Protein backbone atom coordinates (compact mmCIF):
# COMPACT_ATOMS: atom_id res chain seq x y z
CA UNK A 1 64.59 107.64 4.44
CA UNK A 2 67.15 105.01 4.77
CA UNK A 3 69.57 107.23 6.48
CA UNK A 4 66.59 107.98 9.19
CA UNK A 5 65.98 104.12 9.49
CA UNK A 6 69.77 103.75 10.03
CA UNK A 7 70.01 106.39 12.60
CA UNK A 8 67.00 104.93 14.51
CA UNK A 9 68.56 101.56 14.37
CA UNK A 10 71.82 102.90 15.75
CA UNK A 11 69.90 104.57 18.58
CA UNK A 12 68.02 101.38 19.63
CA UNK A 13 70.95 99.15 19.26
CA UNK A 14 73.52 101.58 20.62
CA UNK A 15 76.21 99.02 21.60
CA UNK A 16 77.11 95.36 21.07
CA UNK A 17 75.30 94.15 24.28
CA UNK A 18 71.91 95.45 23.20
CA UNK A 19 72.08 93.61 19.79
CA UNK A 20 73.29 90.46 21.31
CA UNK A 21 70.48 90.49 23.78
CA UNK A 22 67.86 91.15 21.34
CA UNK A 23 69.08 88.08 19.37
CA UNK A 24 69.07 86.03 22.60
CA UNK A 25 65.57 87.24 23.38
CA UNK A 26 64.25 86.52 19.79
CA UNK A 27 65.87 82.97 19.90
CA UNK A 28 64.23 82.12 23.13
CA UNK A 29 60.87 83.38 21.80
CA UNK A 30 61.13 80.98 18.90
CA UNK A 31 62.29 78.03 20.97
CA UNK A 32 59.40 78.50 23.52
CA UNK A 33 56.97 79.06 20.76
CA UNK A 34 57.84 75.90 18.66
CA UNK A 35 59.48 73.67 21.16
CA UNK A 36 57.60 74.56 24.45
CA UNK A 37 56.08 71.05 24.63
CA UNK A 38 59.29 69.34 24.29
CA UNK A 39 60.99 71.54 26.79
CA UNK A 40 58.22 71.17 29.47
CA UNK A 41 60.30 68.93 32.00
CA UNK A 42 63.18 71.36 31.62
CA UNK A 43 61.08 74.52 32.37
CA UNK A 44 59.49 72.67 35.36
CA UNK A 45 62.89 71.64 36.54
CA UNK A 46 64.22 75.18 36.23
CA UNK A 47 61.18 76.50 38.18
CA UNK A 48 61.83 74.04 40.98
CA UNK A 49 65.43 74.65 41.13
CA UNK A 50 64.74 78.29 41.43
CA UNK A 51 62.42 77.84 44.23
CA UNK A 52 64.86 75.56 45.93
CA UNK A 53 68.08 77.59 45.72
CA UNK A 54 66.70 80.17 48.13
CA UNK A 55 66.21 77.37 50.80
CA UNK A 56 69.79 76.10 50.00
CA UNK A 57 71.24 79.52 50.31
CA UNK A 58 69.42 80.27 53.71
CA UNK A 59 70.82 76.82 55.10
CA UNK A 60 74.12 77.74 54.08
CA UNK A 61 73.80 81.18 55.96
CA UNK A 62 73.34 79.26 59.08
CA UNK A 63 76.77 77.86 58.79
CA UNK A 64 76.01 74.62 56.98
CA UNK A 65 78.46 73.39 54.16
CA UNK A 66 77.43 73.85 50.73
CA UNK A 67 77.15 69.97 50.18
CA UNK A 68 75.19 69.42 53.16
CA UNK A 69 72.57 72.22 52.53
CA UNK A 70 72.38 70.84 48.96
CA UNK A 71 71.39 67.34 50.28
CA UNK A 72 68.94 68.76 52.68
CA UNK A 73 67.30 70.71 50.14
CA UNK A 74 67.07 68.09 47.52
CA UNK A 75 65.81 65.69 50.15
CA UNK A 76 63.09 67.92 51.02
CA UNK A 77 62.14 68.13 47.31
CA UNK A 78 62.00 64.35 47.01
CA UNK A 79 60.06 63.90 50.01
CA UNK A 80 57.44 66.45 49.20
CA UNK A 81 57.21 64.89 45.45
CA UNK A 82 56.77 61.44 46.92
CA UNK A 83 54.08 62.79 49.32
CA UNK A 84 52.17 64.39 46.33
CA UNK A 85 52.49 61.56 44.15
CA UNK A 86 51.45 58.89 46.65
CA UNK A 87 48.83 60.74 48.64
CA UNK A 88 47.42 63.85 46.96
CA UNK A 89 47.61 62.91 43.30
CA UNK A 90 45.65 59.64 43.43
CA UNK A 91 43.05 61.24 45.72
CA UNK A 92 42.44 64.11 43.23
CA UNK A 93 42.38 61.65 40.39
CA UNK A 94 39.84 59.57 42.15
CA UNK A 95 37.58 62.40 42.83
CA UNK A 96 37.90 63.69 39.18
CA UNK A 97 36.61 60.23 38.06
CA UNK A 98 33.87 60.53 40.43
CA UNK A 99 32.74 63.81 39.00
CA UNK A 100 32.78 62.37 35.57
CA UNK A 101 30.54 59.48 36.64
CA UNK A 102 28.21 61.93 38.31
CA UNK A 103 27.79 64.18 35.38
CA UNK A 104 25.04 62.25 33.63
CA UNK A 105 22.94 62.24 36.75
CA UNK A 106 23.40 65.88 37.27
CA UNK A 107 22.32 66.58 33.67
CA UNK A 108 19.28 64.19 34.01
CA UNK A 109 18.11 66.24 37.13
CA UNK A 110 18.79 69.47 35.22
CA UNK A 111 16.56 68.18 32.28
CA UNK A 112 13.69 67.25 34.58
CA UNK A 113 13.86 70.59 36.49
CA UNK A 114 13.98 72.49 32.90
CA UNK A 115 10.98 70.60 31.74
CA UNK A 116 8.99 71.62 34.75
CA UNK A 117 9.67 75.36 34.41
CA UNK A 118 6.95 76.19 31.97
CA UNK A 119 4.23 74.61 34.30
CA UNK A 120 5.53 76.47 37.17
CA UNK A 121 6.33 79.69 35.58
CA UNK A 122 4.14 80.06 32.34
CA UNK A 123 4.67 83.86 32.34
CA UNK A 124 8.43 83.62 32.42
CA UNK A 125 9.19 81.00 29.72
CA UNK A 126 7.17 78.84 27.11
CA UNK A 127 7.42 75.10 26.37
CA UNK A 128 8.63 75.92 22.90
CA UNK A 129 11.64 77.91 24.38
CA UNK A 130 12.61 75.21 26.59
CA UNK A 131 12.46 72.61 23.94
CA UNK A 132 14.72 74.70 21.72
CA UNK A 133 16.99 75.07 24.72
CA UNK A 134 17.09 71.47 25.51
CA UNK A 135 17.79 70.72 21.82
CA UNK A 136 20.67 73.16 21.74
CA UNK A 137 21.99 71.88 25.09
CA UNK A 138 21.76 68.22 23.79
CA UNK A 139 23.94 69.32 20.76
CA UNK A 140 26.47 70.93 22.95
CA UNK A 141 26.65 67.81 25.30
CA UNK A 142 27.15 65.54 22.32
CA UNK A 143 30.16 67.88 21.10
CA UNK A 144 31.61 67.88 24.55
CA UNK A 145 31.35 64.18 24.85
CA UNK A 146 33.38 63.72 21.60
CA UNK A 147 35.86 66.24 22.79
CA UNK A 148 36.19 64.42 26.13
CA UNK A 149 36.52 61.05 24.62
CA UNK A 150 39.17 62.43 22.14
CA UNK A 151 41.00 64.08 25.16
CA UNK A 152 40.79 60.74 26.97
CA UNK A 153 42.44 58.90 24.08
CA UNK A 154 45.14 61.53 23.89
CA UNK A 155 45.62 61.32 27.64
CA UNK A 156 46.13 57.64 27.44
CA UNK A 157 48.72 58.02 24.64
CA UNK A 158 50.43 60.74 26.68
CA UNK A 159 50.75 58.68 29.68
CA UNK A 160 54.24 57.41 28.71
CA UNK A 161 55.29 60.85 28.16
CA UNK A 162 54.12 61.87 31.42
CA UNK A 163 55.79 59.04 33.17
CA UNK A 164 59.10 59.89 31.46
CA UNK A 165 58.71 63.40 32.42
CA UNK A 166 58.10 62.52 36.04
CA UNK A 167 61.25 60.43 36.14
CA UNK A 168 63.31 63.07 34.30
CA UNK A 169 62.26 66.02 36.56
CA UNK A 170 64.19 64.95 39.73
CA UNK A 171 67.35 64.18 37.69
CA UNK A 172 67.06 67.50 36.13
CA UNK A 173 66.47 69.44 39.38
CA UNK A 174 69.38 67.52 40.97
CA UNK A 175 71.80 68.82 38.18
CA UNK A 176 70.33 72.41 38.14
CA UNK A 177 70.87 72.75 41.73
CA UNK A 178 74.35 70.74 42.09
CA UNK A 179 75.95 72.43 38.87
CA UNK A 180 74.22 75.65 38.97
CA UNK A 181 77.35 77.76 39.21
CA UNK A 182 78.89 75.78 36.22
CA UNK A 183 75.71 76.35 34.12
CA UNK A 184 75.61 80.07 34.97
CA UNK A 185 79.27 80.40 34.03
CA UNK A 186 78.77 78.46 30.78
CA UNK A 187 75.96 80.97 29.95
CA UNK A 188 77.99 84.14 30.83
CA UNK A 189 80.94 82.69 28.67
CA UNK A 190 78.70 83.06 25.59
CA UNK A 191 77.55 86.63 26.38
CA UNK A 192 79.56 89.81 25.72
CA UNK A 193 82.18 90.79 28.17
CA UNK A 194 80.40 94.20 28.62
CA UNK A 195 77.42 93.12 30.55
CA UNK A 196 76.24 96.26 32.49
CA UNK A 197 72.75 96.21 31.02
CA UNK A 198 72.30 92.40 31.53
CA UNK A 199 73.63 92.88 35.09
CA UNK A 200 71.14 95.68 35.81
CA UNK A 201 68.08 93.35 34.14
CA UNK A 202 69.29 90.31 36.34
CA UNK A 203 69.58 92.25 39.59
CA UNK A 204 66.05 93.52 39.01
CA UNK A 205 64.49 90.29 37.85
CA UNK A 206 66.21 88.21 40.51
CA UNK A 207 64.99 90.39 43.30
CA UNK A 208 61.50 90.42 42.23
CA UNK A 209 61.22 86.94 40.82
CA UNK A 210 62.63 85.26 43.59
CA UNK A 211 60.33 86.89 45.97
CA UNK A 212 57.40 86.21 43.58
CA UNK A 213 58.15 82.64 43.02
CA UNK A 214 58.48 81.68 46.76
CA UNK A 215 55.44 83.96 47.70
CA UNK A 216 53.43 82.06 45.19
CA UNK A 217 54.41 78.69 46.39
CA UNK A 218 53.60 79.75 50.04
CA UNK A 219 50.29 81.25 48.81
CA UNK A 220 49.31 78.04 47.02
CA UNK A 221 49.84 76.01 50.31
CA UNK A 222 48.08 78.45 52.60
CA UNK A 223 44.94 79.10 50.39
CA UNK A 224 44.91 75.52 49.37
CA UNK A 225 44.91 74.33 53.04
CA UNK A 226 42.40 76.92 54.13
CA UNK A 227 40.09 75.90 51.49
CA UNK A 228 40.38 72.22 52.27
CA UNK A 229 39.55 73.05 55.91
CA UNK A 230 36.59 75.26 55.01
CA UNK A 231 35.10 72.53 52.67
CA UNK A 232 35.82 69.93 55.26
CA UNK A 233 33.84 71.82 57.98
CA UNK A 234 30.80 72.15 55.46
CA UNK A 235 31.14 68.54 54.37
CA UNK A 236 31.40 69.47 50.83
CA UNK A 237 32.09 66.67 48.44
CA UNK A 238 35.27 66.38 46.28
CA UNK A 239 37.47 68.26 48.93
CA UNK A 240 40.73 67.26 47.72
CA UNK A 241 40.01 68.12 44.02
CA UNK A 242 38.44 71.64 44.80
CA UNK A 243 41.20 72.47 47.35
CA UNK A 244 43.78 71.96 44.66
CA UNK A 245 41.99 73.95 42.15
CA UNK A 246 41.61 76.76 44.61
CA UNK A 247 45.26 76.67 45.62
CA UNK A 248 46.55 76.72 41.93
CA UNK A 249 44.00 79.38 40.98
CA UNK A 250 46.32 82.06 42.48
CA UNK A 251 48.71 81.52 39.72
CA UNK A 252 46.47 83.32 37.35
CA UNK A 253 46.18 86.74 38.77
CA UNK A 254 42.57 88.20 39.40
CA UNK A 255 40.88 85.72 37.00
CA UNK A 256 41.94 82.47 38.72
CA UNK A 257 39.74 83.17 41.66
CA UNK A 258 36.60 84.10 39.56
CA UNK A 259 37.23 80.93 37.34
CA UNK A 260 37.55 78.47 40.16
CA UNK A 261 34.46 79.72 41.93
CA UNK A 262 32.27 78.18 39.33
CA UNK A 263 32.97 74.44 40.21
CA UNK A 264 32.93 75.35 44.03
CA UNK A 265 29.43 76.94 43.48
CA UNK A 266 28.25 74.17 41.17
CA UNK A 267 29.27 71.45 43.60
CA UNK A 268 27.74 73.33 46.57
CA UNK A 269 24.43 73.88 44.73
CA UNK A 270 24.25 70.33 43.65
CA UNK A 271 24.78 69.16 47.28
CA UNK A 272 22.98 71.73 49.46
CA UNK A 273 20.62 73.31 46.84
CA UNK A 274 19.59 76.89 47.69
CA UNK A 275 19.55 76.44 51.53
CA UNK A 276 21.20 78.34 54.15
CA UNK A 277 24.34 76.03 54.27
CA UNK A 278 24.91 76.86 50.40
CA UNK A 279 24.91 80.62 51.04
CA UNK A 280 27.07 80.32 54.24
CA UNK A 281 29.46 78.08 52.22
CA UNK A 282 29.71 80.60 49.38
CA UNK A 283 29.94 83.56 51.86
CA UNK A 284 32.90 81.82 53.60
CA UNK A 285 34.62 81.15 50.40
CA UNK A 286 34.19 84.66 49.50
CA UNK A 287 35.65 85.86 52.54
CA UNK A 288 38.61 83.53 52.11
CA UNK A 289 39.28 85.09 48.69
CA UNK A 290 39.01 88.51 50.01
CA UNK A 291 41.46 87.56 52.85
CA UNK A 292 43.87 86.28 50.32
CA UNK A 293 43.72 89.38 48.12
CA UNK A 294 43.77 92.15 50.76
CA UNK A 295 45.74 90.30 53.59
CA UNK A 296 47.87 87.55 52.33
CA UNK A 297 48.97 88.94 49.05
CA UNK A 298 50.17 92.27 50.49
CA UNK A 299 52.29 90.30 53.22
CA UNK A 300 53.95 87.85 50.67
CA UNK A 301 54.57 90.29 47.72
CA UNK A 302 54.81 93.84 49.24
CA UNK A 303 58.37 94.06 47.35
CA UNK A 304 57.83 91.30 44.81
CA UNK A 305 56.31 92.46 41.58
CA UNK A 306 55.82 96.17 41.03
CA UNK A 307 53.40 96.05 38.11
CA UNK A 308 50.02 97.69 37.64
CA UNK A 309 47.12 95.31 37.89
CA UNK A 310 46.04 96.32 34.34
CA UNK A 311 49.48 95.43 32.91
CA UNK A 312 49.17 91.93 34.87
CA UNK A 313 45.68 91.18 33.24
CA UNK A 314 46.85 92.26 29.87
CA UNK A 315 50.02 90.10 30.28
CA UNK A 316 47.82 86.99 31.12
CA UNK A 317 45.83 87.51 27.95
CA UNK A 318 48.59 88.16 25.55
CA UNK A 319 51.10 85.67 26.60
CA UNK A 320 48.25 83.04 27.31
CA UNK A 321 47.13 83.36 23.75
CA UNK A 322 50.82 83.07 22.43
CA UNK A 323 52.16 80.12 24.61
CA UNK A 324 48.87 78.49 26.16
CA UNK A 325 49.28 77.23 29.77
CA UNK A 326 52.98 78.33 30.06
CA UNK A 327 52.11 81.72 28.83
CA UNK A 328 49.57 82.21 31.72
CA UNK A 329 52.03 80.56 34.11
CA UNK A 330 54.92 82.74 33.12
CA UNK A 331 52.80 85.99 32.43
CA UNK A 332 54.07 87.99 35.40
CA UNK A 333 57.88 87.01 35.18
CA UNK A 334 57.61 87.81 31.27
CA UNK A 335 56.05 91.20 31.93
CA UNK A 336 58.57 91.68 34.81
CA UNK A 337 61.28 90.78 32.28
CA UNK A 338 59.98 93.41 29.94
CA UNK A 339 59.73 96.10 32.58
CA UNK A 340 63.39 95.37 33.60
CA UNK A 341 64.66 95.54 30.01
CA UNK A 342 62.77 98.99 29.54
CA UNK A 343 64.47 100.34 32.72
CA UNK A 344 67.98 99.01 31.62
CA UNK A 345 68.03 99.93 27.91
CA UNK A 346 70.36 102.52 27.06
CA UNK A 347 68.42 105.78 27.01
CA UNK A 348 69.53 107.16 23.70
CA UNK A 349 66.31 107.38 21.69
CA UNK A 350 65.52 110.87 22.92
CA UNK A 351 68.96 112.15 21.86
């Protein structure tokens, strides 16, 4: 028995590289699991740097010196960040506050509507059923209010942390971009000299993830802007907030579009009721999602991530339950890494 286990172990870890790589993966898992919150600014900095490297490389291919391309790329990042912080973020926050203030009015209107249902539809529902439903709803609202109050207190306490992260982010991006070759060299120095498997994994990962990351950034902008134009045309309230939600919903494959449809439909229903404008709004919004899934995504990701849709959904659920928001955010990159490891791992198990 022990000999069989030993032989299996030797087949799986057939050389020094596989053993070191497994230890690195295990270490990375525990670091992210236990220190993910602390490392948030570093993770965000790495993401932005990875996105910006492509722009810097493209500028260098046009004949610009490396240092000039770096400053143009970093300047673009700073201008974009300042624009988001000065213009978009306050607008979204203001509209979010407005929604919070409107919630009691919406609930009161719903309660009045629910109380009239037994009179209008006596065969459909009784007054006792409505009373029981309203009591249950009242309890849930009380619980939600308490949770919201706790979240607000926690948010106030975390304001300092958020401010520090915002100040730290451009510094990290600067060094990740400026010293990326030195950082990569330092990482390579701690790896085994024989790196054939790691090289194969990196080539597959870099080719797919670079296209995926930049494609997602472009998709967020296009879908968010298209949603903003659509909502402005219909005169929908909370345009900035809803457009940001629709734009970032593309980060959650398949499920994001379904989830963000709920607030869009709720705001549209409260503003237009069951009128023609509401159905036209929802029809146009569904058309936008269809165009995104069937036209924009194939154009942007034709060679990006070669994973089956079922595997993508499974990755979102599994890694989301393990790592929360970051698990959902990195679900596809992690799944791509697992696929790359499987393809590059020495095939000795069948021997």
